[in-house]
PDB file of N, CA and C in Angstrom:
ATOM      1  N   UNK A   1       0.828  -1.191   0.000  1.00  0.00           N
ATOM      2  CA  UNK A   1       0.000   0.000   0.000  1.00  0.00           C
ATOM      3  C   UNK A   1       0.872   1.254   0.000  1.00  0.00           C
ATOM      4  N   UNK A   2       1.846   1.319   0.897  1.00  0.00           N
ATOM      5  CA  UNK A   2       2.705   2.497   0.971  1.00  0.00           C
ATOM      6  C   UNK A   2       3.545   2.631  -0.289  1.00  0.00           C
ATOM      7  N   UNK A   3       3.959   1.517  -0.861  1.00  0.00           N
ATOM      8  CA  UNK A   3       4.745   1.547  -2.090  1.00  0.00           C
ATOM      9  C   UNK A   3       3.917   2.091  -3.246  1.00  0.00           C
ATOM     10  N   UNK A   4       2.627   1.749  -3.297  1.00  0.00           N
ATOM     11  CA  UNK A   4       1.751   2.274  -4.339  1.00  0.00           C
ATOM     12  C   UNK A   4       1.629   3.786  -4.234  1.00  0.00           C
ATOM     13  N   UNK A   5       1.500   4.295  -3.030  1.00  0.00           N
ATOM     14  CA  UNK A   5       1.387   5.740  -2.831  1.00  0.00           C
ATOM     15  C   UNK A   5       2.669   6.438  -3.260  1.00  0.00           C
ATOM     16  N   UNK A   6       3.800   5.871  -2.902  1.00  0.00           N
ATOM     17  CA  UNK A   6       5.090   6.450  -3.292  1.00  0.00           C
ATOM     18  C   UNK A   6       5.234   6.441  -4.821  1.00  0.00           C
ATOM     19  N   UNK A   7       4.819   5.351  -5.466  1.00  0.00           N
ATOM     20  CA  UNK A   7       4.903   5.267  -6.923  1.00  0.00           C
ATOM     21  C   UNK A   7       3.995   6.295  -7.591  1.00  0.00           C
ATOM     22  N   UNK A   8       2.784   6.514  -7.058  1.00  0.00           N
ATOM     23  CA  UNK A   8       1.891   7.529  -7.615  1.00  0.00           C
ATOM     24  C   UNK A   8       2.491   8.924  -7.458  1.00  0.00           C
ATOM     25  N   UNK A   9       3.151   9.184  -6.350  1.00  0.00           N
ATOM     26  CA  UNK A   9       3.784  10.495  -6.142  1.00  0.00           C
ATOM     27  C   UNK A   9       4.926  10.689  -7.146  1.00  0.00           C
ATOM     28  N   UNK A  10       5.755   9.680  -7.324  1.00  0.00           N
ATOM     29  CA  UNK A  10       6.856   9.771  -8.295  1.00  0.00           C
ATOM     30  C   UNK A  10       6.299   9.912  -9.709  1.00  0.00           C
ATOM     31  N   UNK A  11       5.318   9.100 -10.037  1.00  0.00           N
ATOM     32  CA  UNK A  11       4.679   9.132 -11.346  1.00  0.00           C
ATOM     33  C   UNK A  11       4.061  10.502 -11.607  1.00  0.00           C
ATOM     34  N   UNK A  12       3.337  11.033 -10.627  1.00  0.00           N
ATOM     35  CA  UNK A  12       2.711  12.346 -10.764  1.00  0.00           C
ATOM     36  C   UNK A  12       3.726  13.458 -10.896  1.00  0.00           C
ATOM     37  N   UNK A  13       4.806  13.364 -10.125  1.00  0.00           N
ATOM     38  CA  UNK A  13       5.850  14.392 -10.200  1.00  0.00           C
ATOM     39  C   UNK A  13       6.485  14.415 -11.585  1.00  0.00           C
ATOM     40  N   UNK A  14       6.778  13.238 -12.130  1.00  0.00           N
ATOM     41  CA  UNK A  14       7.388  13.157 -13.453  1.00  0.00           C
ATOM     42  C   UNK A  14       6.447  13.697 -14.533  1.00  0.00           C
ATOM     43  N   UNK A  15       5.222  13.227 -14.539  1.00  0.00           N
ATOM     44  CA  UNK A  15       4.257  13.657 -15.553  1.00  0.00           C
ATOM     45  C   UNK A  15       3.945  15.146 -15.414  1.00  0.00           C
ATOM     46  N   UNK A  16       3.748  15.625 -14.197  1.00  0.00           N
ATOM     47  CA  UNK A  16       3.445  17.037 -13.974  1.00  0.00           C
ATOM     48  C   UNK A  16       4.596  17.939 -14.353  1.00  0.00           C
ATOM     49  N   UNK A  17       5.818  17.506 -14.053  1.00  0.00           N
ATOM     50  CA  UNK A  17       6.992  18.310 -14.384  1.00  0.00           C
ATOM     51  C   UNK A  17       7.173  18.440 -15.896  1.00  0.00           C
ATOM     52  N   UNK A  18       7.054  17.320 -16.604  1.00  0.00           N
ATOM     53  CA  UNK A  18       7.203  17.364 -18.057  1.00  0.00           C
ATOM     54  C   UNK A  18       6.083  18.182 -18.685  1.00  0.00           C
ATOM     55  N   UNK A  19       4.851  18.017 -18.195  1.00  0.00           N
ATOM     56  CA  UNK A  19       3.731  18.801 -18.719  1.00  0.00           C
ATOM     57  C   UNK A  19       3.927  20.290 -18.456  1.00  0.00           C
ATOM     58  N   UNK A  20       4.470  20.644 -17.286  1.00  0.00           N
ATOM     59  CA  UNK A  20       4.693  22.058 -16.986  1.00  0.00           C
ATOM     60  C   UNK A  20       5.779  22.656 -17.874  1.00  0.00           C
ATOM     61  N   UNK A  21       6.752  21.851 -18.273  1.00  0.00           N
ATOM     62  CA  UNK A  21       7.770  22.322 -19.217  1.00  0.00           C
ATOM     63  C   UNK A  21       7.136  22.527 -20.596  1.00  0.00           C
ATOM     64  N   UNK A  22       6.303  21.589 -21.027  1.00  0.00           N
ATOM     65  CA  UNK A  22       5.636  21.706 -22.323  1.00  0.00           C
ATOM     66  C   UNK A  22       4.744  22.940 -22.365  1.00  0.00           C
ATOM     67  N   UNK A  23       3.997  23.175 -21.291  1.00  0.00           N
ATOM     68  CA  UNK A  23       3.048  24.299 -21.245  1.00  0.00           C
ATOM     69  C   UNK A  23       3.688  25.596 -20.751  1.00  0.00           C
ATOM     70  N   UNK A  24       4.972  25.573 -20.470  1.00  0.00           N
ATOM     71  CA  UNK A  24       5.731  26.740 -20.012  1.00  0.00           C
ATOM     72  C   UNK A  24       5.166  27.337 -18.717  1.00  0.00           C
ATOM     73  N   UNK A  25       4.787  26.467 -17.790  1.00  0.00           N
ATOM     74  CA  UNK A  25       4.327  26.907 -16.474  1.00  0.00           C
ATOM     75  C   UNK A  25       5.278  26.446 -15.380  1.00  0.00           C
ATOM     76  N   UNK A  26       6.456  25.981 -15.761  1.00  0.00           N
ATOM     77  CA  UNK A  26       7.391  25.391 -14.811  1.00  0.00           C
ATOM     78  C   UNK A  26       7.828  26.395 -13.745  1.00  0.00           C
ATOM     79  N   UNK A  27       8.024  27.651 -14.116  1.00  0.00           N
ATOM     80  CA  UNK A  27       8.461  28.650 -13.145  1.00  0.00           C
ATOM     81  C   UNK A  27       7.336  29.070 -12.200  1.00  0.00           C
ATOM     82  N   UNK A  28       6.086  28.838 -12.607  1.00  0.00           N
ATOM     83  CA  UNK A  28       4.937  29.275 -11.818  1.00  0.00           C
ATOM     84  C   UNK A  28       4.513  28.273 -10.758  1.00  0.00           C
ATOM     85  N   UNK A  29       4.914  27.026 -10.891  1.00  0.00           N
ATOM     86  CA  UNK A  29       4.443  26.007  -9.957  1.00  0.00           C
ATOM     87  C   UNK A  29       5.612  25.249  -9.362  1.00  0.00           C
ATOM     88  N   UNK A  30       5.398  24.764  -8.177  1.00  0.00           N
ATOM     89  CA  UNK A  30       6.446  24.037  -7.466  1.00  0.00           C
ATOM     90  C   UNK A  30       6.263  22.540  -7.566  1.00  0.00           C
ATOM     91  N   UNK A  31       7.009  21.831  -6.751  1.00  0.00           N
ATOM     92  CA  UNK A  31       7.004  20.372  -6.782  1.00  0.00           C
ATOM     93  C   UNK A  31       5.649  19.792  -6.394  1.00  0.00           C
ATOM     94  N   UNK A  32       5.010  20.371  -5.384  1.00  0.00           N
ATOM     95  CA  UNK A  32       3.708  19.846  -4.945  1.00  0.00           C
ATOM     96  C   UNK A  32       2.670  20.031  -6.046  1.00  0.00           C
ATOM     97  N   UNK A  33       2.686  21.181  -6.711  1.00  0.00           N
ATOM     98  CA  UNK A  33       1.753  21.417  -7.814  1.00  0.00           C
ATOM     99  C   UNK A  33       2.028  20.453  -8.959  1.00  0.00           C
ATOM    100  N   UNK A  34       3.302  20.182  -9.243  1.00  0.00           N
ATOM    101  CA  UNK A  34       3.632  19.218 -10.294  1.00  0.00           C
ATOM    102  C   UNK A  34       3.072  17.838  -9.968  1.00  0.00           C
ATOM    103  N   UNK A  35       3.192  17.421  -8.727  1.00  0.00           N
ATOM    104  CA  UNK A  35       2.675  16.111  -8.314  1.00  0.00           C
ATOM    105  C   UNK A  35       1.160  16.058  -8.482  1.00  0.00           C
ATOM    106  N   UNK A  36       0.482  17.085  -8.001  1.00  0.00           N
ATOM    107  CA  UNK A  36      -0.986  17.120  -8.084  1.00  0.00           C
ATOM    108  C   UNK A  36      -1.444  17.153  -9.537  1.00  0.00           C
ATOM    109  N   UNK A  37      -0.831  18.022 -10.341  1.00  0.00           N
ATOM    110  CA  UNK A  37      -1.180  18.122 -11.763  1.00  0.00           C
ATOM    111  C   UNK A  37      -0.915  16.789 -12.460  1.00  0.00           C
ATOM    112  N   UNK A  38       0.195  16.144 -12.128  1.00  0.00           N
ATOM    113  CA  UNK A  38       0.537  14.869 -12.755  1.00  0.00           C
ATOM    114  C   UNK A  38      -0.431  13.758 -12.401  1.00  0.00           C
ATOM    115  N   UNK A  39      -0.827  13.676 -11.146  1.00  0.00           N
ATOM    116  CA  UNK A  39      -1.757  12.620 -10.722  1.00  0.00           C
ATOM    117  C   UNK A  39      -3.139  12.851 -11.328  1.00  0.00           C
ATOM    118  N   UNK A  40      -3.628  14.083 -11.267  1.00  0.00           N
ATOM    119  CA  UNK A  40      -4.929  14.383 -11.881  1.00  0.00           C
ATOM    120  C   UNK A  40      -4.845  14.187 -13.395  1.00  0.00           C
ATOM    121  N   UNK A  41      -3.713  14.586 -13.982  1.00  0.00           N
ATOM    122  CA  UNK A  41      -3.510  14.378 -15.411  1.00  0.00           C
ATOM    123  C   UNK A  41      -3.531  12.914 -15.796  1.00  0.00           C
ATOM    124  N   UNK A  42      -3.009  12.045 -14.931  1.00  0.00           N
ATOM    125  CA  UNK A  42      -3.043  10.608 -15.199  1.00  0.00           C
ATOM    126  C   UNK A  42      -4.477  10.097 -15.245  1.00  0.00           C
ATOM    127  N   UNK A  43      -5.306  10.584 -14.344  1.00  0.00           N
ATOM    128  CA  UNK A  43      -6.715  10.191 -14.368  1.00  0.00           C
ATOM    129  C   UNK A  43      -7.409  10.705 -15.619  1.00  0.00           C
ATOM    130  N   UNK A  44      -7.169  11.968 -15.972  1.00  0.00           N
ATOM    131  CA  UNK A  44      -7.780  12.554 -17.169  1.00  0.00           C
ATOM    132  C   UNK A  44      -7.284  11.845 -18.418  1.00  0.00           C
ATOM    133  N   UNK A  45      -5.970  11.674 -18.525  1.00  0.00           N
ATOM    134  CA  UNK A  45      -5.404  10.997 -19.685  1.00  0.00           C
ATOM    135  C   UNK A  45      -5.894   9.566 -19.815  1.00  0.00           C
ATOM    136  N   UNK A  46      -5.993   8.868 -18.690  1.00  0.00           N
ATOM    137  CA  UNK A  46      -6.502   7.500 -18.708  1.00  0.00           C
ATOM    138  C   UNK A  46      -7.945   7.436 -19.165  1.00  0.00           C
ATOM    139  N   UNK A  47      -8.758   8.379 -18.700  1.00  0.00           N
ATOM    140  CA  UNK A  47     -10.162   8.432 -19.110  1.00  0.00           C
ATOM    141  C   UNK A  47     -10.279   8.692 -20.607  1.00  0.00           C
ATOM    142  N   UNK A  48      -9.523   9.674 -21.095  1.00  0.00           N
ATOM    143  CA  UNK A  48      -9.570  10.010 -22.524  1.00  0.00           C
ATOM    144  C   UNK A  48      -9.057   8.835 -23.365  1.00  0.00           C
ATOM    145  N   UNK A  49      -7.970   8.214 -22.940  1.00  0.00           N
ATOM    146  CA  UNK A  49      -7.416   7.080 -23.691  1.00  0.00           C
ATOM    147  C   UNK A  49      -8.401   5.915 -23.754  1.00  0.00           C
ATOM    148  N   UNK A  50      -9.042   5.611 -22.633  1.00  0.00           N
ATOM    149  CA  UNK A  50     -10.023   4.524 -22.623  1.00  0.00           C
ATOM    150  C   UNK A  50     -11.244   4.873 -23.465  1.00  0.00           C
ATOM    151  N   UNK A  51     -11.615   6.166 -23.494  1.00  0.00           N
ATOM    152  CA  UNK A  51     -12.752   6.598 -24.302  1.00  0.00           C
ATOM    153  C   UNK A  51     -12.495   6.344 -25.784  1.00  0.00           C
ATOM    154  N   UNK A  52     -11.247   6.538 -26.210  1.00  0.00           N
ATOM    155  CA  UNK A  52     -10.896   6.332 -27.613  1.00  0.00           C
ATOM    156  C   UNK A  52     -10.331   4.938 -27.886  1.00  0.00           C
ATOM    157  N   UNK A  53     -10.530   3.998 -26.982  1.00  0.00           N
ATOM    158  CA  UNK A  53     -10.154   2.619 -27.216  1.00  0.00           C
ATOM    159  C   UNK A  53      -8.763   2.232 -26.757  1.00  0.00           C
ATOM    160  N   UNK A  54      -8.044   3.132 -26.105  1.00  0.00           N
ATOM    161  CA  UNK A  54      -6.708   2.812 -25.605  1.00  0.00           C
ATOM    162  C   UNK A  54      -6.778   2.104 -24.269  1.00  0.00           C
ATOM    163  N   UNK A  55      -5.620   1.859 -23.696  1.00  0.00           N
ATOM    164  CA  UNK A  55      -5.576   1.127 -22.430  1.00  0.00           C
ATOM    165  C   UNK A  55      -5.469   2.030 -21.210  1.00  0.00           C
ATOM    166  N   UNK A  56      -5.232   3.326 -21.404  1.00  0.00           N
ATOM    167  CA  UNK A  56      -5.125   4.231 -20.273  1.00  0.00           C
ATOM    168  C   UNK A  56      -3.830   4.048 -19.517  1.00  0.00           C
ATOM    169  N   UNK A  57      -3.877   4.326 -18.229  1.00  0.00           N
ATOM    170  CA  UNK A  57      -2.704   4.187 -17.365  1.00  0.00           C
ATOM    171  C   UNK A  57      -2.740   2.791 -16.759  1.00  0.00           C
ATOM    172  N   UNK A  58      -1.723   1.989 -17.087  1.00  0.00           N
ATOM    173  CA  UNK A  58      -1.719   0.585 -16.656  1.00  0.00           C
ATOM    174  C   UNK A  58      -0.604   0.273 -15.680  1.00  0.00           C
ATOM    175  N   UNK A  59       0.156   1.239 -15.280  1.00  0.00           N
ATOM    176  CA  UNK A  59       1.266   1.014 -14.367  1.00  0.00           C
ATOM    177  C   UNK A  59       2.375   2.005 -14.646  1.00  0.00           C
ATOM    178  N   UNK A  60       3.541   1.730 -14.127  1.00  0.00           N
ATOM    179  CA  UNK A  60       4.677   2.628 -14.317  1.00  0.00           C
ATOM    180  C   UNK A  60       5.453   2.152 -15.546  1.00  0.00           C
ATOM    181  N   UNK A  61       4.965   2.548 -16.724  1.00  0.00           N
ATOM    182  CA  UNK A  61       5.617   2.197 -17.981  1.00  0.00           C
ATOM    183  C   UNK A  61       5.558   3.398 -18.919  1.00  0.00           C
ATOM    184  N   UNK A  62       6.255   3.330 -20.032  1.00  0.00           N
ATOM    185  CA  UNK A  62       6.371   4.465 -20.938  1.00  0.00           C
ATOM    186  C   UNK A  62       5.019   4.904 -21.486  1.00  0.00           C
ATOM    187  N   UNK A  63       4.190   3.955 -21.884  1.00  0.00           N
ATOM    188  CA  UNK A  63       2.867   4.296 -22.414  1.00  0.00           C
ATOM    189  C   UNK A  63       2.010   5.040 -21.402  1.00  0.00           C
ATOM    190  N   UNK A  64       2.049   4.580 -20.167  1.00  0.00           N
ATOM    191  CA  UNK A  64       1.273   5.228 -19.111  1.00  0.00           C
ATOM    192  C   UNK A  64       1.800   6.624 -18.797  1.00  0.00           C
ATOM    193  N   UNK A  65       3.114   6.786 -18.824  1.00  0.00           N
ATOM    194  CA  UNK A  65       3.700   8.105 -18.574  1.00  0.00           C
ATOM    195  C   UNK A  65       3.279   9.072 -19.672  1.00  0.00           C
ATOM    196  N   UNK A  66       3.283   8.616 -20.917  1.00  0.00           N
ATOM    197  CA  UNK A  66       2.860   9.483 -22.025  1.00  0.00           C
ATOM    198  C   UNK A  66       1.396   9.867 -21.886  1.00  0.00           C
ATOM    199  N   UNK A  67       0.544   8.912 -21.529  1.00  0.00           N
ATOM    200  CA  UNK A  67      -0.877   9.195 -21.317  1.00  0.00           C
ATOM    201  C   UNK A  67      -1.044  10.207 -20.185  1.00  0.00           C
ATOM    202  N   UNK A  68      -0.299  10.038 -19.101  1.00  0.00           N
ATOM    203  CA  UNK A  68      -0.386  10.962 -17.970  1.00  0.00           C
ATOM    204  C   UNK A  68       0.104  12.350 -18.351  1.00  0.00           C
ATOM    205  N   UNK A  69       1.169  12.434 -19.127  1.00  0.00           N
ATOM    206  CA  UNK A  69       1.684  13.738 -19.562  1.00  0.00           C
ATOM    207  C   UNK A  69       0.654  14.432 -20.438  1.00  0.00           C
ATOM    208  N   UNK A  70       0.049  13.703 -21.374  1.00  0.00           N
ATOM    209  CA  UNK A  70      -0.970  14.304 -22.236  1.00  0.00           C
ATOM    210  C   UNK A  70      -2.168  14.774 -21.422  1.00  0.00           C
ATOM    211  N   UNK A  71      -2.569  13.991 -20.432  1.00  0.00           N
ATOM    212  CA  UNK A  71      -3.666  14.406 -19.557  1.00  0.00           C
ATOM    213  C   UNK A  71      -3.304  15.632 -18.742  1.00  0.00           C
ATOM    214  N   UNK A  72      -2.068  15.704 -18.258  1.00  0.00           N
ATOM    215  CA  UNK A  72      -1.623  16.862 -17.481  1.00  0.00           C
ATOM    216  C   UNK A  72      -1.524  18.107 -18.360  1.00  0.00           C
ATOM    217  N   UNK A  73      -1.081  17.937 -19.610  1.00  0.00           N
ATOM    218  CA  UNK A  73      -1.047  19.068 -20.547  1.00  0.00           C
ATOM    219  C   UNK A  73      -2.468  19.570 -20.794  1.00  0.00           C
ATOM    220  N   UNK A  74      -3.408  18.657 -20.983  1.00  0.00           N
ATOM    221  CA  UNK A  74      -4.806  19.030 -21.171  1.00  0.00           C
ATOM    222  C   UNK A  74      -5.329  19.774 -19.946  1.00  0.00           C
ATOM    223  N   UNK A  75      -5.004  19.285 -18.761  1.00  0.00           N
ATOM    224  CA  UNK A  75      -5.428  19.942 -17.528  1.00  0.00           C
ATOM    225  C   UNK A  75      -4.842  21.344 -17.419  1.00  0.00           C
ATOM    226  N   UNK A  76      -3.553  21.502 -17.694  1.00  0.00           N
ATOM    227  CA  UNK A  76      -2.926  22.823 -17.634  1.00  0.00           C
ATOM    228  C   UNK A  76      -3.518  23.764 -18.681  1.00  0.00           C
ATOM    229  N   UNK A  77      -3.865  23.236 -19.853  1.00  0.00           N
ATOM    230  CA  UNK A  77      -4.500  24.040 -20.893  1.00  0.00           C
ATOM    231  C   UNK A  77      -5.850  24.570 -20.410  1.00  0.00           C
ATOM    232  N   UNK A  78      -6.658  23.695 -19.808  1.00  0.00           N
ATOM    233  CA  UNK A  78      -7.971  24.105 -19.301  1.00  0.00           C
ATOM    234  C   UNK A  78      -7.809  25.116 -18.173  1.00  0.00           C
ATOM    235  N   UNK A  79      -6.870  24.877 -17.276  1.00  0.00           N
ATOM    236  CA  UNK A  79      -6.622  25.831 -16.187  1.00  0.00           C
ATOM    237  C   UNK A  79      -6.228  27.182 -16.750  1.00  0.00           C
ATOM    238  N   UNK A  80      -5.365  27.179 -17.762  1.00  0.00           N
ATOM    239  CA  UNK A  80      -4.933  28.436 -18.385  1.00  0.00           C
ATOM    240  C   UNK A  80      -6.111  29.165 -19.031  1.00  0.00           C
ATOM    241  N   UNK A  81      -7.015  28.422 -19.664  1.00  0.00           N
ATOM    242  CA  UNK A  81      -8.182  29.034 -20.305  1.00  0.00           C
ATOM    243  C   UNK A  81      -9.094  29.708 -19.277  1.00  0.00           C
ATOM    244  N   UNK A  82      -9.305  29.054 -18.141  1.00  0.00           N
ATOM    245  CA  UNK A  82     -10.199  29.602 -17.134  1.00  0.00           C
ATOM    246  C   UNK A  82      -9.543  30.658 -16.252  1.00  0.00           C
ATOM    247  N   UNK A  83      -8.219  30.712 -16.236  1.00  0.00           N
ATOM    248  CA  UNK A  83      -7.552  31.707 -15.393  1.00  0.00           C
ATOM    249  C   UNK A  83      -7.321  33.026 -16.116  1.00  0.00           C
ATOM    250  N   UNK A  84      -7.716  33.110 -17.370  1.00  0.00           N
ATOM    251  CA  UNK A  84      -7.571  34.354 -18.102  1.00  0.00           C
ATOM    252  C   UNK A  84      -6.238  34.531 -18.780  1.00  0.00           C
ATOM    253  N   UNK A  85      -5.366  33.524 -18.696  1.00  0.00           N
ATOM    254  CA  UNK A  85      -4.057  33.613 -19.355  1.00  0.00           C
ATOM    255  C   UNK A  85      -4.046  32.766 -20.614  1.00  0.00           C
ATOM    256  N   UNK A  86      -5.190  32.643 -21.253  1.00  0.00           N
ATOM    257  CA  UNK A  86      -5.320  31.761 -22.397  1.00  0.00           C
ATOM    258  C   UNK A  86      -4.792  32.308 -23.697  1.00  0.00           C
ATOM    259  N   UNK A  87      -4.581  33.604 -23.798  1.00  0.00           N
ATOM    260  CA  UNK A  87      -4.101  34.172 -25.046  1.00  0.00           C
ATOM    261  C   UNK A  87      -2.594  34.009 -25.126  1.00  0.00           C
ATOM    262  N   UNK A  88      -2.171  32.912 -25.710  1.00  0.00           N
ATOM    263  CA  UNK A  88      -0.744  32.627 -25.793  1.00  0.00           C
ATOM    264  C   UNK A  88      -0.123  33.165 -27.070  1.00  0.00           C
ATOM    265  N   UNK A  89      -0.934  33.759 -27.936  1.00  0.00           N
ATOM    266  CA  UNK A  89      -0.405  34.266 -29.196  1.00  0.00           C
ATOM    267  C   UNK A  89       0.475  35.501 -28.994  1.00  0.00           C
ATOM    268  N   UNK A  90       0.295  36.202 -27.903  1.00  0.00           N
ATOM    269  CA  UNK A  90       1.067  37.430 -27.676  1.00  0.00           C
ATOM    270  C   UNK A  90       2.354  37.172 -26.917  1.00  0.00           C
ATOM    271  N   UNK A  91       2.582  35.936 -26.503  1.00  0.00           N
ATOM    272  CA  UNK A  91       3.787  35.639 -25.735  1.00  0.00           C
ATOM    273  C   UNK A  91       4.946  35.345 -26.619  1.00  0.00           C
TER     274      UNK A  91
END
């Protein structure tokens, strides 16, 4: 049980960190935000992947990390849209 929690934290940190680099929010958020964004992104990415016939997040493997990163990028995109910083064309 404790090992699963530790793995989710590591998994979330990795996915959230990479997604924050992709979305250029790395300087705005810290390690805890990366973990939270990554874990929520894994759930979102898994849901979207299963909706389109994929396998979602199946463990700590490359496919699952990619799904989690895509979900975290989607989450950061939605957060950016609702926070009023959605106009990225001027940056």
